[in-house]
């Protein structure tokens, strides 16, 4: 929380804060606000997200749209009530028919 207080006093009108947590857990480094982006984990995709945040900001509507754009494919194992895990692994998911 101290980071966000320092940021609040030093920022200009166009300044934004990006906190990248390489090993994310329950807590974030700064409170969620329109000018603060908390990123959990790291990959090449982080550069694109930070770039879009700096250019146009990212609000809840952006993330809902991004999630809706991800195609969902239901596998046969999942449709049968299995875990949907990798082939060859035994499923530890209890089936409804007791089998």
Protein backbone atom coordinates (compact mmCIF):
# COMPACT_ATOMS: atom_id res chain seq x y z
CA UNK A 1 0.00 0.00 0.00
CA UNK A 2 2.96 2.32 0.57
CA UNK A 3 3.78 2.09 -3.16
CA UNK A 4 0.37 3.47 -4.13
CA UNK A 5 0.72 6.39 -1.67
CA UNK A 6 4.11 7.33 -3.13
CA UNK A 7 2.70 6.94 -6.64
CA UNK A 8 -0.24 9.21 -5.77
CA UNK A 9 2.07 12.02 -4.69
CA UNK A 10 4.54 11.72 -7.58
CA UNK A 11 2.26 11.01 -10.51
CA UNK A 12 1.32 13.39 -13.25
CA UNK A 13 -2.05 13.44 -14.97
CA UNK A 14 -0.96 10.84 -17.54
CA UNK A 15 1.13 8.61 -15.24
CA UNK A 16 0.14 4.96 -14.74
CA UNK A 17 1.52 2.29 -12.43
CA UNK A 18 2.19 -1.31 -13.47
CA UNK A 19 2.99 -3.86 -10.75
CA UNK A 20 4.26 -7.21 -12.03
CA UNK A 21 4.21 -10.01 -9.48
CA UNK A 22 6.34 -12.85 -10.85
CA UNK A 23 4.90 -15.35 -8.38
CA UNK A 24 1.35 -14.17 -7.73
CA UNK A 25 -0.53 -15.00 -4.59
CA UNK A 26 -3.61 -13.57 -2.88
CA UNK A 27 -2.33 -10.03 -2.32
CA UNK A 28 -1.49 -7.27 -4.81
CA UNK A 29 1.13 -4.55 -4.49
CA UNK A 30 -1.29 -1.68 -5.13
CA UNK A 31 -5.04 -1.24 -4.85
CA UNK A 32 -7.04 -1.61 -8.07
CA UNK A 33 -7.71 1.74 -9.74
CA UNK A 34 -8.12 3.02 -13.29
CA UNK A 35 -4.45 4.08 -13.39
CA UNK A 36 -3.00 0.94 -11.74
CA UNK A 37 -2.45 -2.43 -13.43
CA UNK A 38 -1.58 -5.46 -11.31
CA UNK A 39 -0.14 -8.34 -13.35
CA UNK A 40 0.16 -11.82 -11.85
CA UNK A 41 2.76 -14.03 -13.51
CA UNK A 42 4.92 -13.30 -16.52
CA UNK A 43 5.12 -14.29 -20.17
CA UNK A 44 5.63 -12.53 -23.50
CA UNK A 45 1.95 -11.51 -23.39
CA UNK A 46 2.71 -9.11 -20.51
CA UNK A 47 4.39 -6.68 -22.94
CA UNK A 48 1.22 -6.45 -25.05
CA UNK A 49 -0.99 -5.94 -21.97
CA UNK A 50 1.26 -3.21 -20.55
CA UNK A 51 1.43 -1.51 -23.95
CA UNK A 52 -2.38 -1.47 -24.28
CA UNK A 53 -2.77 -0.27 -20.70
CA UNK A 54 -0.34 2.62 -21.30
CA UNK A 55 -2.02 3.60 -24.56
CA UNK A 56 -5.72 3.31 -23.77
CA UNK A 57 -6.20 1.96 -20.26
CA UNK A 58 -7.86 -1.36 -19.50
CA UNK A 59 -11.15 -1.47 -17.64
CA UNK A 60 -13.46 -4.32 -16.64
CA UNK A 61 -15.24 -4.21 -20.01
CA UNK A 62 -11.92 -4.94 -21.75
CA UNK A 63 -11.31 -8.06 -19.67
CA UNK A 64 -14.87 -9.34 -20.13
CA UNK A 65 -14.42 -8.96 -23.89
CA UNK A 66 -11.02 -10.68 -23.80
CA UNK A 67 -12.43 -13.63 -21.86
CA UNK A 68 -15.47 -13.90 -24.13
CA UNK A 69 -13.16 -14.01 -27.16
CA UNK A 70 -11.41 -17.18 -25.95
CA UNK A 71 -12.88 -20.21 -27.72
CA UNK A 72 -13.94 -23.00 -25.38
CA UNK A 73 -13.67 -26.56 -26.63
CA UNK A 74 -15.27 -29.33 -24.63
CA UNK A 75 -13.42 -32.60 -24.94
CA UNK A 76 -15.15 -35.97 -24.93
CA UNK A 77 -13.57 -36.90 -21.59
CA UNK A 78 -14.90 -33.73 -20.01
CA UNK A 79 -18.35 -34.20 -21.51
CA UNK A 80 -18.48 -37.74 -20.00
CA UNK A 81 -17.67 -36.33 -16.56
CA UNK A 82 -13.94 -37.05 -16.58
CA UNK A 83 -11.27 -34.64 -15.49
CA UNK A 84 -10.43 -33.58 -19.04
CA UNK A 85 -6.77 -34.14 -18.16
CA UNK A 86 -4.10 -35.55 -20.39
CA UNK A 87 -4.67 -38.98 -21.99
CA UNK A 88 -3.26 -41.89 -20.04
CA UNK A 89 -3.71 -40.29 -16.63
CA UNK A 90 -6.25 -41.89 -14.38
CA UNK A 91 -9.13 -39.67 -13.40
CA UNK A 92 -9.73 -39.20 -9.70
CA UNK A 93 -13.03 -37.43 -10.27
CA UNK A 94 -16.00 -39.29 -8.80
CA UNK A 95 -18.67 -40.12 -11.34
CA UNK A 96 -22.34 -39.56 -10.62
CA UNK A 97 -23.33 -43.12 -11.54
CA UNK A 98 -20.99 -44.51 -8.88
CA UNK A 99 -18.73 -46.31 -11.37
